[in-house]
N, C-alpha and C. Protein backbone atom coordinates (compact mmCIF):
# COMPACT_ATOMS: atom_id res chain seq x y z
N MET A 1 68.85 63.85 -70.34
CA MET A 1 68.77 62.88 -71.43
C MET A 1 67.66 63.29 -72.39
N ASN A 2 67.81 62.84 -73.62
CA ASN A 2 66.91 63.23 -74.69
C ASN A 2 66.06 62.04 -75.11
N PHE A 3 64.73 62.22 -75.18
CA PHE A 3 63.81 61.18 -75.64
C PHE A 3 62.79 61.82 -76.57
N PRO A 4 63.11 61.92 -77.87
CA PRO A 4 62.20 62.58 -78.82
C PRO A 4 60.79 61.98 -78.76
N SER A 5 59.79 62.85 -78.68
CA SER A 5 58.41 62.40 -78.51
C SER A 5 57.84 61.74 -79.77
N GLU A 6 58.44 62.00 -80.94
CA GLU A 6 57.91 61.40 -82.17
C GLU A 6 58.36 59.94 -82.35
N LEU A 7 59.27 59.48 -81.50
CA LEU A 7 59.75 58.11 -81.58
C LEU A 7 58.98 57.21 -80.63
N LYS A 8 59.07 55.90 -80.87
CA LYS A 8 58.54 54.88 -79.97
C LYS A 8 59.74 54.19 -79.32
N TYR A 9 59.51 53.52 -78.20
CA TYR A 9 60.59 52.93 -77.43
C TYR A 9 60.22 51.53 -76.96
N THR A 10 61.26 50.74 -76.60
CA THR A 10 61.04 49.40 -76.06
C THR A 10 61.59 49.33 -74.65
N LYS A 11 61.14 48.32 -73.92
CA LYS A 11 61.65 48.10 -72.56
C LYS A 11 63.13 47.68 -72.59
N ASP A 12 63.61 47.26 -73.78
CA ASP A 12 65.01 46.85 -73.94
C ASP A 12 65.90 48.00 -74.42
N HIS A 13 65.34 49.23 -74.42
CA HIS A 13 66.11 50.46 -74.67
C HIS A 13 66.46 50.70 -76.14
N GLU A 14 65.61 50.18 -77.05
CA GLU A 14 65.72 50.57 -78.45
C GLU A 14 64.70 51.66 -78.74
N TRP A 15 65.01 52.51 -79.71
CA TRP A 15 64.03 53.48 -80.20
C TRP A 15 63.63 53.08 -81.61
N VAL A 16 62.43 53.51 -82.02
CA VAL A 16 61.88 53.15 -83.32
C VAL A 16 61.25 54.38 -83.95
N LYS A 17 61.61 54.64 -85.21
CA LYS A 17 60.98 55.71 -85.99
C LYS A 17 60.23 55.03 -87.13
N ILE A 18 58.91 55.23 -87.16
CA ILE A 18 58.06 54.59 -88.16
C ILE A 18 57.86 55.53 -89.35
N ASP A 19 58.07 55.00 -90.56
CA ASP A 19 57.82 55.76 -91.78
C ASP A 19 57.14 54.81 -92.77
N GLY A 20 55.81 54.81 -92.77
CA GLY A 20 55.07 53.84 -93.59
C GLY A 20 55.25 52.45 -93.01
N ASP A 21 55.75 51.50 -93.84
CA ASP A 21 55.99 50.14 -93.34
C ASP A 21 57.47 49.90 -93.04
N VAL A 22 58.26 50.98 -93.01
CA VAL A 22 59.68 50.87 -92.69
C VAL A 22 59.94 51.51 -91.32
N ALA A 23 60.72 50.83 -90.52
CA ALA A 23 61.07 51.34 -89.19
C ALA A 23 62.59 51.45 -89.10
N THR A 24 63.05 52.59 -88.61
CA THR A 24 64.47 52.80 -88.32
C THR A 24 64.64 52.55 -86.83
N VAL A 25 65.72 51.82 -86.47
CA VAL A 25 65.92 51.39 -85.09
C VAL A 25 67.31 51.76 -84.62
N GLY A 26 67.42 52.17 -83.37
CA GLY A 26 68.70 52.43 -82.72
C GLY A 26 68.56 52.21 -81.23
N ILE A 27 69.59 52.55 -80.48
CA ILE A 27 69.48 52.46 -79.02
C ILE A 27 69.29 53.86 -78.45
N THR A 28 68.65 53.92 -77.31
CA THR A 28 68.29 55.20 -76.71
C THR A 28 69.50 55.91 -76.09
N ASP A 29 69.29 57.18 -75.83
CA ASP A 29 70.29 57.99 -75.14
C ASP A 29 70.64 57.34 -73.79
N PHE A 30 69.62 56.87 -73.09
CA PHE A 30 69.83 56.20 -71.80
C PHE A 30 70.74 54.97 -71.98
N ALA A 31 70.45 54.15 -72.99
CA ALA A 31 71.23 52.92 -73.23
C ALA A 31 72.68 53.23 -73.54
N GLN A 32 72.92 54.21 -74.42
CA GLN A 32 74.31 54.51 -74.78
C GLN A 32 75.07 55.05 -73.57
N ARG A 33 74.40 55.80 -72.69
CA ARG A 33 75.07 56.31 -71.47
C ARG A 33 75.41 55.17 -70.52
N GLU A 34 74.48 54.21 -70.40
CA GLU A 34 74.73 53.06 -69.53
C GLU A 34 75.87 52.19 -70.05
N LEU A 35 75.95 52.03 -71.37
CA LEU A 35 77.00 51.21 -71.97
C LEU A 35 78.37 51.87 -71.90
N GLY A 36 78.41 53.17 -72.03
CA GLY A 36 79.69 53.88 -72.09
C GLY A 36 80.18 53.97 -73.53
N ASP A 37 81.47 54.14 -73.70
CA ASP A 37 82.03 54.35 -75.04
C ASP A 37 81.85 53.11 -75.92
N ILE A 38 81.08 53.28 -76.98
CA ILE A 38 80.79 52.18 -77.90
C ILE A 38 81.93 52.07 -78.92
N VAL A 39 82.44 50.85 -79.06
CA VAL A 39 83.59 50.63 -79.93
C VAL A 39 83.26 49.77 -81.15
N TYR A 40 82.12 49.08 -81.15
CA TYR A 40 81.80 48.20 -82.26
C TYR A 40 80.32 47.84 -82.22
N VAL A 41 79.69 47.81 -83.38
CA VAL A 41 78.31 47.35 -83.52
C VAL A 41 78.32 46.22 -84.54
N ASP A 42 77.74 45.08 -84.18
CA ASP A 42 77.72 43.91 -85.05
C ASP A 42 76.28 43.52 -85.36
N VAL A 43 75.89 43.72 -86.60
CA VAL A 43 74.57 43.30 -87.08
C VAL A 43 74.79 42.47 -88.33
N ASN A 44 74.45 41.19 -88.25
CA ASN A 44 74.66 40.31 -89.40
C ASN A 44 73.35 39.66 -89.84
N THR A 45 72.23 40.37 -89.63
CA THR A 45 70.92 39.83 -89.96
C THR A 45 70.30 40.49 -91.20
N ILE A 46 71.09 41.20 -91.99
CA ILE A 46 70.55 41.88 -93.17
C ILE A 46 69.93 40.87 -94.13
N GLY A 47 68.72 41.20 -94.61
CA GLY A 47 68.01 40.30 -95.50
C GLY A 47 67.20 39.24 -94.79
N GLU A 48 67.34 39.13 -93.49
CA GLU A 48 66.62 38.12 -92.73
C GLU A 48 65.36 38.72 -92.11
N THR A 49 64.35 37.90 -91.96
CA THR A 49 63.17 38.30 -91.19
C THR A 49 63.41 37.85 -89.75
N VAL A 50 63.34 38.83 -88.84
CA VAL A 50 63.65 38.58 -87.43
C VAL A 50 62.39 38.86 -86.62
N SER A 51 62.08 37.97 -85.70
CA SER A 51 60.89 38.13 -84.87
C SER A 51 61.08 39.18 -83.80
N LYS A 52 59.97 39.80 -83.42
CA LYS A 52 59.98 40.78 -82.34
C LYS A 52 60.63 40.16 -81.11
N GLU A 53 61.49 40.91 -80.44
CA GLU A 53 62.21 40.56 -79.22
C GLU A 53 63.35 39.57 -79.44
N ALA A 54 63.58 39.12 -80.68
CA ALA A 54 64.74 38.27 -80.96
C ALA A 54 65.97 39.17 -81.10
N VAL A 55 67.14 38.60 -80.92
CA VAL A 55 68.40 39.35 -81.03
C VAL A 55 68.71 39.57 -82.51
N PHE A 56 68.98 40.84 -82.87
CA PHE A 56 69.34 41.13 -84.26
C PHE A 56 70.79 41.55 -84.40
N GLY A 57 71.52 41.68 -83.28
CA GLY A 57 72.92 42.06 -83.32
C GLY A 57 73.42 42.35 -81.91
N THR A 58 74.64 42.89 -81.85
CA THR A 58 75.22 43.25 -80.55
C THR A 58 75.90 44.61 -80.67
N VAL A 59 76.03 45.25 -79.53
CA VAL A 59 76.78 46.48 -79.44
C VAL A 59 77.86 46.26 -78.37
N GLU A 60 79.09 46.60 -78.74
CA GLU A 60 80.22 46.38 -77.85
C GLU A 60 80.74 47.73 -77.35
N ALA A 61 80.82 47.84 -76.04
CA ALA A 61 81.37 49.03 -75.42
C ALA A 61 82.68 48.63 -74.73
N VAL A 62 83.39 49.62 -74.23
CA VAL A 62 84.67 49.35 -73.58
C VAL A 62 84.50 48.35 -72.44
N LYS A 63 83.38 48.47 -71.70
CA LYS A 63 83.23 47.63 -70.51
C LYS A 63 82.27 46.45 -70.64
N THR A 64 81.53 46.33 -71.77
CA THR A 64 80.56 45.26 -71.87
C THR A 64 80.12 45.04 -73.32
N VAL A 65 79.44 43.92 -73.55
CA VAL A 65 78.78 43.64 -74.83
C VAL A 65 77.30 43.44 -74.51
N SER A 66 76.43 44.05 -75.32
CA SER A 66 75.00 43.97 -75.07
C SER A 66 74.27 43.55 -76.34
N ASP A 67 73.27 42.68 -76.18
CA ASP A 67 72.45 42.27 -77.31
C ASP A 67 71.53 43.39 -77.74
N LEU A 68 71.19 43.40 -79.01
CA LEU A 68 70.21 44.31 -79.58
C LEU A 68 68.96 43.50 -79.90
N PHE A 69 67.80 43.96 -79.43
CA PHE A 69 66.56 43.20 -79.59
C PHE A 69 65.63 43.88 -80.60
N MET A 70 65.04 43.08 -81.48
CA MET A 70 64.10 43.60 -82.48
C MET A 70 62.87 44.17 -81.79
N PRO A 71 62.54 45.41 -82.10
CA PRO A 71 61.35 46.00 -81.50
C PRO A 71 60.07 45.57 -82.19
N LEU A 72 60.19 45.14 -83.46
CA LEU A 72 59.05 44.74 -84.28
C LEU A 72 59.48 43.59 -85.19
N THR A 73 58.58 42.70 -85.51
CA THR A 73 58.89 41.64 -86.47
C THR A 73 59.05 42.25 -87.85
N GLY A 74 60.13 41.87 -88.53
CA GLY A 74 60.32 42.39 -89.87
C GLY A 74 61.60 41.94 -90.51
N GLU A 75 61.75 42.31 -91.78
CA GLU A 75 62.94 41.99 -92.55
C GLU A 75 63.94 43.12 -92.43
N VAL A 76 65.17 42.79 -92.05
CA VAL A 76 66.23 43.79 -91.94
C VAL A 76 66.64 44.20 -93.36
N LEU A 77 66.34 45.45 -93.71
CA LEU A 77 66.60 45.95 -95.06
C LEU A 77 67.98 46.58 -95.20
N GLU A 78 68.42 47.23 -94.13
CA GLU A 78 69.64 48.03 -94.23
C GLU A 78 70.30 48.12 -92.85
N VAL A 79 71.62 48.11 -92.88
CA VAL A 79 72.42 48.33 -91.67
C VAL A 79 73.20 49.62 -91.89
N ASN A 80 73.29 50.42 -90.87
CA ASN A 80 74.02 51.69 -90.96
C ASN A 80 75.52 51.40 -91.08
N LYS A 81 76.03 51.47 -92.29
CA LYS A 81 77.45 51.17 -92.54
C LYS A 81 78.38 52.23 -91.92
N ASP A 82 77.87 53.44 -91.71
CA ASP A 82 78.71 54.50 -91.14
C ASP A 82 79.17 54.18 -89.72
N ILE A 83 78.39 53.37 -88.99
CA ILE A 83 78.81 53.07 -87.62
C ILE A 83 79.93 52.04 -87.57
N ASP A 84 80.21 51.38 -88.71
CA ASP A 84 81.38 50.50 -88.75
C ASP A 84 82.66 51.30 -88.54
N SER A 85 82.77 52.42 -89.23
CA SER A 85 83.98 53.25 -89.13
C SER A 85 83.89 54.30 -88.05
N ALA A 86 82.68 54.58 -87.57
CA ALA A 86 82.50 55.61 -86.54
C ALA A 86 81.47 55.16 -85.50
N PRO A 87 81.78 54.08 -84.74
CA PRO A 87 80.81 53.59 -83.75
C PRO A 87 80.49 54.62 -82.67
N GLU A 88 81.38 55.60 -82.49
CA GLU A 88 81.13 56.65 -81.50
C GLU A 88 79.91 57.50 -81.84
N SER A 89 79.44 57.43 -83.10
CA SER A 89 78.25 58.19 -83.47
C SER A 89 77.02 57.69 -82.70
N VAL A 90 77.05 56.44 -82.24
CA VAL A 90 75.95 55.93 -81.40
C VAL A 90 75.93 56.69 -80.08
N ASN A 91 77.10 57.02 -79.54
CA ASN A 91 77.18 57.83 -78.32
C ASN A 91 76.85 59.29 -78.60
N ASN A 92 77.40 59.83 -79.68
CA ASN A 92 77.28 61.26 -79.95
C ASN A 92 75.92 61.67 -80.49
N ASP A 93 75.27 60.79 -81.26
CA ASP A 93 74.01 61.14 -81.92
C ASP A 93 73.13 59.89 -82.04
N PRO A 94 72.67 59.34 -80.90
CA PRO A 94 71.95 58.06 -80.94
C PRO A 94 70.68 58.07 -81.78
N TYR A 95 70.02 59.24 -81.92
CA TYR A 95 68.77 59.31 -82.67
C TYR A 95 68.97 59.80 -84.11
N GLY A 96 70.18 60.09 -84.48
CA GLY A 96 70.48 60.57 -85.82
C GLY A 96 71.47 59.67 -86.51
N LYS A 97 72.74 60.10 -86.57
CA LYS A 97 73.78 59.34 -87.26
C LYS A 97 74.04 57.98 -86.63
N GLY A 98 73.61 57.77 -85.38
CA GLY A 98 73.87 56.52 -84.69
C GLY A 98 72.80 55.45 -84.84
N TRP A 99 71.88 55.62 -85.81
CA TRP A 99 70.87 54.58 -86.03
C TRP A 99 71.55 53.27 -86.42
N MET A 100 70.87 52.14 -86.19
CA MET A 100 71.49 50.84 -86.43
C MET A 100 70.95 50.10 -87.65
N ILE A 101 69.62 49.95 -87.71
CA ILE A 101 69.03 49.20 -88.83
C ILE A 101 67.76 49.88 -89.32
N LYS A 102 67.38 49.48 -90.55
CA LYS A 102 66.05 49.79 -91.08
C LYS A 102 65.41 48.45 -91.39
N LEU A 103 64.14 48.33 -91.03
CA LEU A 103 63.44 47.07 -91.26
C LEU A 103 62.09 47.32 -91.89
N LYS A 104 61.64 46.34 -92.66
CA LYS A 104 60.30 46.37 -93.24
C LYS A 104 59.41 45.57 -92.30
N MET A 105 58.44 46.28 -91.69
CA MET A 105 57.55 45.62 -90.72
C MET A 105 56.67 44.59 -91.42
N THR A 106 56.47 43.45 -90.77
CA THR A 106 55.58 42.44 -91.30
C THR A 106 54.31 42.32 -90.46
N ASN A 107 54.26 43.01 -89.31
CA ASN A 107 53.07 42.99 -88.46
C ASN A 107 52.91 44.37 -87.83
N ALA A 108 52.26 45.27 -88.55
CA ALA A 108 52.13 46.66 -88.10
C ALA A 108 51.38 46.80 -86.78
N SER A 109 50.58 45.81 -86.41
CA SER A 109 49.84 45.89 -85.15
C SER A 109 50.78 45.90 -83.94
N GLU A 110 52.01 45.41 -84.11
CA GLU A 110 52.97 45.40 -83.00
C GLU A 110 53.38 46.82 -82.58
N VAL A 111 53.22 47.80 -83.46
CA VAL A 111 53.59 49.18 -83.13
C VAL A 111 52.84 49.65 -81.88
N ALA A 112 51.59 49.21 -81.74
CA ALA A 112 50.77 49.61 -80.59
C ALA A 112 51.36 49.14 -79.26
N GLU A 113 52.24 48.13 -79.29
CA GLU A 113 52.85 47.60 -78.07
C GLU A 113 54.09 48.38 -77.64
N LEU A 114 54.58 49.27 -78.50
CA LEU A 114 55.77 50.06 -78.16
C LEU A 114 55.40 51.16 -77.17
N LEU A 115 56.41 51.68 -76.49
CA LEU A 115 56.20 52.71 -75.47
C LEU A 115 56.29 54.11 -76.06
N SER A 116 55.52 55.03 -75.51
CA SER A 116 55.67 56.44 -75.84
C SER A 116 56.90 56.96 -75.11
N ALA A 117 57.33 58.17 -75.46
CA ALA A 117 58.48 58.77 -74.76
C ALA A 117 58.20 58.89 -73.27
N ASP A 118 56.99 59.32 -72.90
CA ASP A 118 56.65 59.47 -71.48
C ASP A 118 56.65 58.13 -70.75
N ALA A 119 56.12 57.10 -71.40
CA ALA A 119 56.11 55.77 -70.78
C ALA A 119 57.53 55.22 -70.63
N TYR A 120 58.39 55.49 -71.62
CA TYR A 120 59.79 55.04 -71.52
C TYR A 120 60.50 55.78 -70.39
N LYS A 121 60.28 57.09 -70.29
CA LYS A 121 60.90 57.86 -69.19
C LYS A 121 60.47 57.31 -67.84
N ALA A 122 59.20 56.95 -67.72
CA ALA A 122 58.72 56.38 -66.47
C ALA A 122 59.41 55.04 -66.18
N LEU A 123 59.60 54.24 -67.23
CA LEU A 123 60.25 52.94 -67.09
C LEU A 123 61.66 53.06 -66.52
N ILE A 124 62.41 54.06 -67.00
CA ILE A 124 63.80 54.20 -66.56
C ILE A 124 63.96 55.17 -65.39
N GLY A 125 62.85 55.76 -64.96
CA GLY A 125 62.90 56.68 -63.82
C GLY A 125 63.49 58.03 -64.15
N ALA A 126 63.30 58.49 -65.40
CA ALA A 126 63.85 59.79 -65.81
C ALA A 126 62.82 60.89 -65.62
């Protein structure tokens, strides 16, 4: 499994890429493997400010539906429209084409609470 060291991670299996006050969010390689073939991603929180650990959407796989949890408090600026027509990109490229949302952070101090790649690997036993 792949866990890029430049990203941050959550205990709920989201990854976060920080660029100034904007964070790009997706689900980890581990999460997409656990879910199996992803068939639909539903995020309807665009333009809303969502609190850390609140649900910002769902991901539907062949065998289950799973909530997506906000890694940081912020306003959802953008949803990856490409995953509407190609949800399999979450399986094929979870850290690239399979990203889910971009958010504007409203509390940058929360970044310190995210996990490093090594800490995330320890959490999942990888």
